[in-house]
N, C-alpha and C. Protein backbone atom coordinates (compact mmCIF):
# COMPACT_ATOMS: atom_id res chain seq x y z
N MET A 1 1.42 1.82 -31.46
CA MET A 1 2.54 2.90 -30.89
C MET A 1 1.99 2.37 -29.06
N TYR A 2 2.88 2.65 -28.55
CA TYR A 2 3.05 2.35 -27.40
C TYR A 2 2.69 3.92 -26.66
N SER A 3 1.88 3.57 -25.82
CA SER A 3 1.16 5.33 -25.65
C SER A 3 1.69 5.33 -23.66
N LYS A 4 2.34 6.87 -23.23
CA LYS A 4 2.40 6.69 -22.14
C LYS A 4 1.87 7.17 -21.31
N SER A 5 1.38 6.82 -19.59
CA SER A 5 0.45 7.16 -19.09
C SER A 5 0.78 8.12 -18.48
N PRO A 6 0.08 9.21 -18.00
CA PRO A 6 0.27 10.32 -17.17
C PRO A 6 1.38 9.71 -16.08
N LEU A 7 1.49 9.08 -15.33
CA LEU A 7 2.22 9.10 -14.43
C LEU A 7 3.91 8.79 -15.41
N GLN A 8 4.25 8.52 -16.44
CA GLN A 8 4.98 8.16 -16.98
C GLN A 8 5.31 9.32 -17.91
N ARG A 9 4.31 10.59 -18.06
CA ARG A 9 4.95 11.80 -19.01
C ARG A 9 5.11 12.65 -17.82
N LYS A 10 4.73 12.67 -16.35
CA LYS A 10 5.23 13.40 -15.81
C LYS A 10 6.55 13.40 -15.26
N VAL A 11 6.95 12.11 -15.58
CA VAL A 11 8.30 11.47 -14.84
C VAL A 11 9.16 11.92 -15.98
N THR A 12 8.98 11.55 -17.28
CA THR A 12 9.86 11.97 -18.45
C THR A 12 9.69 13.69 -18.31
N ARG A 13 8.96 14.44 -18.07
CA ARG A 13 9.30 15.65 -18.09
C ARG A 13 10.47 16.10 -17.30
N LEU A 14 10.87 15.56 -15.98
CA LEU A 14 11.80 16.08 -15.40
C LEU A 14 13.05 16.69 -16.24
N SER A 15 13.24 17.74 -15.96
CA SER A 15 14.55 18.35 -16.61
C SER A 15 15.75 17.11 -16.60
N SER A 16 16.75 17.43 -17.61
CA SER A 16 18.09 16.64 -17.73
C SER A 16 18.64 17.50 -16.18
N SER A 17 18.83 18.43 -15.76
CA SER A 17 19.48 19.07 -15.04
C SER A 17 19.21 17.76 -13.70
N GLU A 18 17.42 17.92 -13.60
CA GLU A 18 17.07 17.42 -11.99
C GLU A 18 17.74 16.15 -12.27
N ARG A 19 17.50 15.16 -13.13
CA ARG A 19 17.63 14.20 -13.41
C ARG A 19 19.24 14.03 -12.89
N LEU A 20 19.96 14.48 -13.45
CA LEU A 20 21.84 14.40 -12.65
C LEU A 20 21.58 14.79 -10.98
N ARG A 21 20.93 15.76 -11.16
CA ARG A 21 21.18 16.00 -9.95
C ARG A 21 20.59 14.89 -8.85
N GLY A 22 19.73 14.01 -9.43
CA GLY A 22 19.03 13.17 -8.35
C GLY A 22 17.68 13.70 -7.37
N THR A 23 17.09 14.89 -8.22
CA THR A 23 16.14 15.57 -7.85
C THR A 23 14.88 15.80 -8.34
N SER A 24 13.98 15.89 -7.91
CA SER A 24 12.64 16.10 -8.47
C SER A 24 11.91 17.29 -8.01
N THR A 25 10.96 17.87 -9.20
CA THR A 25 9.96 18.83 -8.61
C THR A 25 8.70 17.97 -8.37
N VAL A 26 8.76 16.51 -8.45
CA VAL A 26 7.26 16.03 -8.55
C VAL A 26 7.39 16.03 -7.01
N HIS A 27 8.24 15.79 -6.05
CA HIS A 27 8.08 15.66 -4.39
C HIS A 27 9.74 16.02 -4.11
N ASP A 28 9.51 16.65 -3.61
CA ASP A 28 10.68 18.01 -3.02
C ASP A 28 11.40 16.91 -1.68
N SER A 29 11.03 15.82 -0.58
CA SER A 29 11.27 15.06 0.30
C SER A 29 12.41 14.09 0.55
N GLN A 30 12.02 13.61 -1.07
CA GLN A 30 13.26 12.30 -1.33
C GLN A 30 13.42 12.64 -3.06
N PRO A 31 14.87 11.81 -3.10
CA PRO A 31 15.24 12.43 -4.24
C PRO A 31 14.28 11.42 -5.40
N ASP A 32 14.15 11.29 -6.66
CA ASP A 32 13.70 10.87 -7.82
C ASP A 32 12.29 9.46 -7.11
N ALA A 33 11.55 10.38 -5.97
CA ALA A 33 10.40 9.74 -5.35
C ALA A 33 9.42 10.49 -6.34
N LEU A 34 8.61 9.97 -6.01
CA LEU A 34 7.08 10.24 -6.65
C LEU A 34 6.07 10.54 -5.58
N ASP A 35 5.14 11.58 -5.39
CA ASP A 35 4.05 11.69 -4.46
C ASP A 35 3.15 10.59 -5.31
N LEU A 36 2.94 9.59 -5.27
CA LEU A 36 1.81 8.93 -5.96
C LEU A 36 0.18 9.31 -5.46
N GLU A 37 0.25 9.48 -4.02
CA GLU A 37 -0.99 9.78 -4.02
C GLU A 37 -1.22 11.57 -4.43
N ALA A 38 -0.41 12.56 -4.52
CA ALA A 38 -0.69 13.57 -4.92
C ALA A 38 -1.30 13.68 -6.00
N PHE A 39 0.02 13.32 -7.56
CA PHE A 39 0.09 12.73 -8.26
C PHE A 39 -1.65 12.18 -8.54
N ILE A 40 -2.56 11.28 -7.86
CA ILE A 40 -3.64 10.61 -8.26
C ILE A 40 -4.98 11.13 -8.05
N SER A 41 -4.54 12.79 -7.12
CA SER A 41 -6.02 13.30 -6.57
C SER A 41 -6.10 14.58 -7.43
N GLN A 42 -4.92 14.38 -8.16
CA GLN A 42 -5.12 15.83 -9.76
C GLN A 42 -5.49 15.07 -10.93
N GLU A 43 -5.87 13.84 -10.94
CA GLU A 43 -6.32 12.79 -11.80
C GLU A 43 -8.00 13.18 -11.64
N ASP A 44 -8.41 12.60 -13.32
CA ASP A 44 -9.86 12.71 -12.97
C ASP A 44 -10.52 11.44 -11.99
N PRO A 45 -11.96 11.81 -12.30
CA PRO A 45 -12.53 10.92 -11.74
C PRO A 45 -12.39 9.25 -11.82
N ALA A 46 -12.03 8.97 -13.53
CA ALA A 46 -12.06 8.18 -13.78
C ALA A 46 -10.71 6.86 -13.53
N THR A 47 -9.22 8.14 -13.53
CA THR A 47 -8.37 7.31 -12.77
C THR A 47 -8.65 6.76 -11.43
N ARG A 48 -8.98 7.50 -10.85
CA ARG A 48 -9.42 7.13 -9.18
C ARG A 48 -10.04 5.55 -9.16
N ARG A 49 -11.27 5.69 -10.15
CA ARG A 49 -11.90 4.55 -9.79
C ARG A 49 -10.79 3.62 -10.58
N ALA A 50 -10.42 3.85 -11.15
CA ALA A 50 -9.40 2.89 -11.47
C ALA A 50 -8.20 2.40 -10.55
N VAL A 51 -7.79 3.33 -10.02
CA VAL A 51 -6.87 2.88 -8.78
C VAL A 51 -7.36 2.66 -7.31
N ALA A 52 -8.66 2.40 -7.18
CA ALA A 52 -9.78 2.18 -6.08
C ALA A 52 -9.65 0.48 -6.70
N LYS A 53 -10.42 0.63 -7.81
CA LYS A 53 -10.38 -1.23 -8.44
C LYS A 53 -9.43 -2.19 -8.25
N GLN A 54 -7.88 -1.24 -8.48
CA GLN A 54 -6.77 -1.77 -8.85
C GLN A 54 -6.44 -2.46 -7.02
N GLY A 55 -6.95 -1.64 -5.95
CA GLY A 55 -7.07 -1.50 -4.69
C GLY A 55 -7.86 -2.91 -4.11
N LYS A 56 -8.83 -2.78 -5.30
CA LYS A 56 -9.85 -4.22 -4.37
C LYS A 56 -8.85 -5.20 -5.00
N TRP A 57 -8.89 -5.42 -6.55
CA TRP A 57 -7.74 -6.42 -6.81
C TRP A 57 -6.64 -7.02 -6.23
N VAL A 58 -5.81 -5.82 -5.92
CA VAL A 58 -4.50 -6.88 -4.68
C VAL A 58 -5.16 -7.20 -3.20
N ALA A 59 -6.42 -6.97 -2.80
CA ALA A 59 -6.64 -7.62 -1.70
C ALA A 59 -7.20 -8.84 -2.19
N ASP A 60 -7.98 -8.86 -3.28
CA ASP A 60 -8.48 -10.28 -3.77
C ASP A 60 -7.53 -11.37 -3.87
N THR A 61 -6.81 -10.78 -4.78
CA THR A 61 -5.53 -11.76 -5.51
C THR A 61 -4.55 -12.23 -4.28
N PHE A 62 -3.71 -11.19 -3.21
CA PHE A 62 -2.87 -11.42 -2.71
C PHE A 62 -3.33 -11.70 -1.50
N TYR A 63 -4.22 -11.73 -0.59
CA TYR A 63 -5.01 -11.76 0.28
C TYR A 63 -6.06 -12.14 0.80
N PRO A 64 -6.20 -13.52 -0.67
CA PRO A 64 -7.82 -14.26 -0.57
C PRO A 64 -8.24 -14.65 0.97
N GLY A 65 -9.03 -14.59 1.50
CA GLY A 65 -9.87 -15.20 2.68
C GLY A 65 -9.46 -14.42 3.97
N GLU A 66 -8.39 -13.43 3.52
CA GLU A 66 -7.87 -13.24 4.67
C GLU A 66 -8.62 -11.34 5.31
N GLU A 67 -8.56 -11.42 6.34
CA GLU A 67 -9.51 -10.34 6.73
C GLU A 67 -8.71 -9.30 7.77
N THR A 68 -7.95 -8.27 7.14
CA THR A 68 -7.42 -7.84 7.76
C THR A 68 -8.07 -6.15 8.11
N LEU A 69 -7.02 -5.16 8.51
CA LEU A 69 -7.72 -3.96 8.67
C LEU A 69 -7.03 -3.40 7.04
N ALA A 70 -5.82 -3.85 6.51
CA ALA A 70 -5.42 -3.11 5.45
C ALA A 70 -6.69 -3.95 3.83
N THR A 71 -6.65 -5.20 4.71
CA THR A 71 -7.73 -5.71 3.40
C THR A 71 -9.20 -5.03 3.04
N LEU A 72 -9.58 -4.86 4.61
CA LEU A 72 -11.00 -3.65 4.45
C LEU A 72 -11.20 -2.95 3.85
N ARG A 73 -9.74 -1.25 3.94
CA ARG A 73 -9.61 -0.90 3.24
C ARG A 73 -9.14 -0.79 1.71
N LEU A 74 -8.23 -1.51 1.51
CA LEU A 74 -8.27 -1.76 -0.14
C LEU A 74 -9.58 -2.57 -0.61
N ARG A 75 -10.46 -3.17 -0.37
CA ARG A 75 -11.51 -3.67 -0.66
C ARG A 75 -12.47 -2.08 -0.67
N SER A 76 -12.64 -1.60 0.14
CA SER A 76 -13.74 -0.23 0.17
C SER A 76 -12.80 0.98 -0.83
N GLY A 77 -11.29 0.28 -1.36
CA GLY A 77 -11.35 1.53 -2.68
C GLY A 77 -10.67 2.50 -2.20
N LEU A 78 -9.74 2.66 -0.77
CA LEU A 78 -9.76 3.54 -0.34
C LEU A 78 -8.05 3.64 -0.27
N SER A 79 -7.15 4.64 0.05
CA SER A 79 -5.76 4.68 -0.06
C SER A 79 -5.53 4.90 1.45
N GLN A 80 -4.58 4.24 2.16
CA GLN A 80 -4.35 5.33 3.90
C GLN A 80 -4.87 6.76 3.68
N LYS A 81 -4.34 7.46 3.05
CA LYS A 81 -4.45 8.76 2.85
C LYS A 81 -5.75 9.35 2.99
N GLU A 82 -6.81 8.58 2.51
CA GLU A 82 -8.17 8.80 2.55
C GLU A 82 -8.82 8.51 3.09
N PHE A 83 -8.39 6.95 3.59
CA PHE A 83 -9.21 6.50 4.87
C PHE A 83 -8.85 7.01 6.06
N ALA A 84 -7.73 7.83 6.23
CA ALA A 84 -7.21 8.31 7.39
C ALA A 84 -8.13 10.08 7.77
N ALA A 85 -8.47 10.35 6.31
CA ALA A 85 -9.44 12.17 6.49
C ALA A 85 -10.32 11.59 6.59
N LEU A 86 -11.06 10.52 6.10
CA LEU A 86 -12.20 10.39 6.53
C LEU A 86 -12.53 9.63 7.88
N CYS A 87 -11.97 9.17 8.88
CA CYS A 87 -11.54 8.57 9.94
C CYS A 87 -11.18 9.78 10.91
N GLY A 88 -10.43 11.43 10.49
CA GLY A 88 -10.15 12.33 11.14
C GLY A 88 -8.86 11.96 11.96
N ILE A 89 -8.18 11.23 11.34
CA ILE A 89 -6.67 10.80 11.52
C ILE A 89 -5.65 10.88 10.59
N ARG A 90 -4.20 11.10 10.78
CA ARG A 90 -3.36 11.23 10.40
C ARG A 90 -3.09 9.57 9.48
N GLN A 91 -2.43 10.10 7.96
CA GLN A 91 -2.17 8.11 8.03
C GLN A 91 -0.91 7.78 8.05
N PRO A 92 -0.28 7.97 9.25
CA PRO A 92 0.95 7.65 9.90
C PRO A 92 -0.05 6.49 11.45
N HIS A 93 -0.93 6.97 11.39
CA HIS A 93 -1.55 6.02 12.02
C HIS A 93 -2.60 5.15 11.52
N VAL A 94 -2.97 5.25 10.42
CA VAL A 94 -3.39 4.19 9.83
C VAL A 94 -2.40 3.00 9.15
N SER A 95 -1.40 3.97 8.73
CA SER A 95 0.13 2.87 8.78
C SER A 95 0.18 1.45 10.14
N ARG A 96 0.18 1.89 11.26
CA ARG A 96 0.68 1.86 12.87
C ARG A 96 -0.95 0.89 12.76
N TYR A 97 -2.01 0.85 12.63
CA TYR A 97 -3.20 -0.06 12.64
C TYR A 97 -2.96 -1.18 11.85
N GLU A 98 -2.38 -0.38 10.95
CA GLU A 98 -2.71 -1.75 10.09
C GLU A 98 -1.25 -2.38 10.18
N ALA A 99 0.00 -2.42 10.50
CA ALA A 99 0.70 -3.56 11.03
C ALA A 99 0.49 -3.94 12.57
N GLY A 100 -0.74 -3.92 12.66
CA GLY A 100 -0.73 -4.31 14.02
C GLY A 100 0.27 -3.67 14.89
N LYS A 101 1.00 -2.52 14.83
CA LYS A 101 1.72 -2.29 16.34
C LYS A 101 0.70 -1.23 16.96
N HIS A 102 0.17 -0.85 16.95
CA HIS A 102 -1.38 -0.17 17.71
C HIS A 102 -2.58 -0.56 17.31
N GLU A 103 -3.74 -0.49 18.37
CA GLU A 103 -4.78 -0.52 18.42
C GLU A 103 -5.91 0.60 18.33
N PRO A 104 -6.47 0.71 17.74
CA PRO A 104 -7.64 1.37 18.05
C PRO A 104 -8.44 1.65 18.85
N GLY A 105 -8.64 3.02 20.03
CA GLY A 105 -9.71 3.10 21.09
C GLY A 105 -10.97 2.66 20.31
N LEU A 106 -12.00 2.27 21.13
CA LEU A 106 -13.06 2.30 21.17
C LEU A 106 -13.91 3.14 20.05
N LEU A 107 -14.02 4.67 20.41
CA LEU A 107 -14.19 5.68 19.32
C LEU A 107 -14.41 5.84 17.51
N GLN A 108 -12.68 5.64 17.93
CA GLN A 108 -11.96 6.17 17.01
C GLN A 108 -12.12 4.17 15.87
N ALA A 109 -12.16 3.16 16.53
CA ALA A 109 -12.79 1.94 15.96
C ALA A 109 -14.02 2.23 15.36
N ASP A 110 -14.89 2.73 15.74
CA ASP A 110 -16.35 3.01 15.16
C ASP A 110 -17.08 3.50 14.07
N ARG A 111 -15.58 5.06 14.27
CA ARG A 111 -15.71 5.72 13.22
C ARG A 111 -15.06 5.36 12.04
N MET A 112 -14.28 4.27 12.25
CA MET A 112 -13.32 3.33 11.16
C MET A 112 -14.01 2.41 10.42
N ALA A 113 -15.06 1.51 11.35
CA ALA A 113 -15.82 0.91 11.35
C ALA A 113 -17.06 1.60 10.16
N GLN A 114 -17.54 2.46 10.58
CA GLN A 114 -18.48 3.29 9.78
C GLN A 114 -18.18 3.37 8.63
N VAL A 115 -16.78 4.20 8.53
CA VAL A 115 -16.21 4.93 6.93
C VAL A 115 -15.80 3.29 5.89
N LEU A 116 -15.83 2.23 6.66
CA LEU A 116 -15.59 0.94 5.74
C LEU A 116 -16.69 0.46 5.40
N GLY A 117 -17.42 0.95 6.17
CA GLY A 117 -19.35 -0.07 6.07
C GLY A 117 -19.03 -1.42 6.76
N VAL A 118 -18.64 -1.63 7.83
CA VAL A 118 -18.41 -2.85 8.55
C VAL A 118 -19.03 -2.60 9.89
N SER A 119 -19.79 -3.51 10.30
CA SER A 119 -19.55 -3.82 11.67
C SER A 119 -18.30 -3.53 12.74
N LEU A 120 -18.93 -3.39 13.95
CA LEU A 120 -17.79 -3.16 14.81
C LEU A 120 -16.93 -3.89 14.94
N GLU A 121 -17.81 -5.35 15.22
CA GLU A 121 -16.93 -6.20 15.78
C GLU A 121 -16.59 -6.97 14.64
N ARG A 122 -16.63 -6.88 13.39
CA ARG A 122 -15.86 -6.91 12.13
C ARG A 122 -14.80 -6.60 11.99
N LEU A 123 -14.72 -5.11 12.24
CA LEU A 123 -13.83 -3.80 12.20
C LEU A 123 -12.60 -5.00 13.05
N ALA A 124 -13.22 -4.86 14.83
CA ALA A 124 -12.26 -5.71 15.47
C ALA A 124 -11.89 -7.13 14.93
N GLN A 125 -12.56 -7.82 14.69
CA GLN A 125 -11.93 -9.35 14.14
C GLN A 125 -10.85 -9.17 13.12
N ALA A 126 -10.52 -8.20 12.15
CA ALA A 126 -9.76 -7.54 11.23
C ALA A 126 -8.32 -6.86 12.08
N VAL A 127 -8.96 -5.99 12.95
CA VAL A 127 -7.93 -5.39 13.68
C VAL A 127 -7.12 -6.48 14.53
N ARG A 128 -7.70 -7.72 15.41
CA ARG A 128 -7.07 -8.63 16.10
C ARG A 128 -6.02 -9.22 15.15
N ARG A 129 -6.30 -9.70 13.43
CA ARG A 129 -5.91 -10.91 12.62
C ARG A 129 -4.66 -9.61 12.46
N SER A 130 -4.34 -8.55 12.36
CA SER A 130 -3.23 -7.75 11.77
C SER A 130 -1.81 -7.50 12.83
N VAL A 131 -2.77 -7.59 14.39
CA VAL A 131 -1.72 -7.39 15.75
C VAL A 131 -0.98 -9.08 15.28
N GLU A 132 -2.30 -10.08 15.14
CA GLU A 132 -1.90 -11.88 15.26
C GLU A 132 -0.63 -12.16 14.18
N LYS A 133 -1.06 -11.23 13.28
CA LYS A 133 0.16 -11.55 11.91
C LYS A 133 1.34 -10.32 12.14
N LEU A 134 1.81 -9.77 13.27
CA LEU A 134 2.99 -9.18 14.13
C LEU A 134 3.23 -9.95 14.42
N ALA A 135 2.34 -10.83 15.23
CA ALA A 135 3.46 -11.46 16.80
C ALA A 135 4.33 -12.78 16.09
N ALA A 136 2.86 -13.11 15.18
CA ALA A 136 3.75 -14.27 14.04
C ALA A 136 5.07 -14.32 13.64
């Protein structure tokens, strides 16, 4: 028989009145939204490893041979939120860097390279590709 995942069970537990109103206690800021990051952080280490593995799969499957800041992060098995915390910045900054809308300063880039386990030169090339993708 089909077994529901922890995520499906959590969503299913919403009361019928919450479903009718289109609201949820899972995430307060958006109707029917699930804060996946918060949910995953509550899970066991095996779930975290599985999510990290899937991030690597996404980078390798959908962006083969392409090395941008996002693919470096995904291949490291980090979410934007985790990466931001390790770098001492907030998640929206990571999003803007990955989208090529902003470029990190030298000290921030050095910290990002350390967190990702890559050279500063490799990180600079990845950031440059992110900016070029936006311009294209």
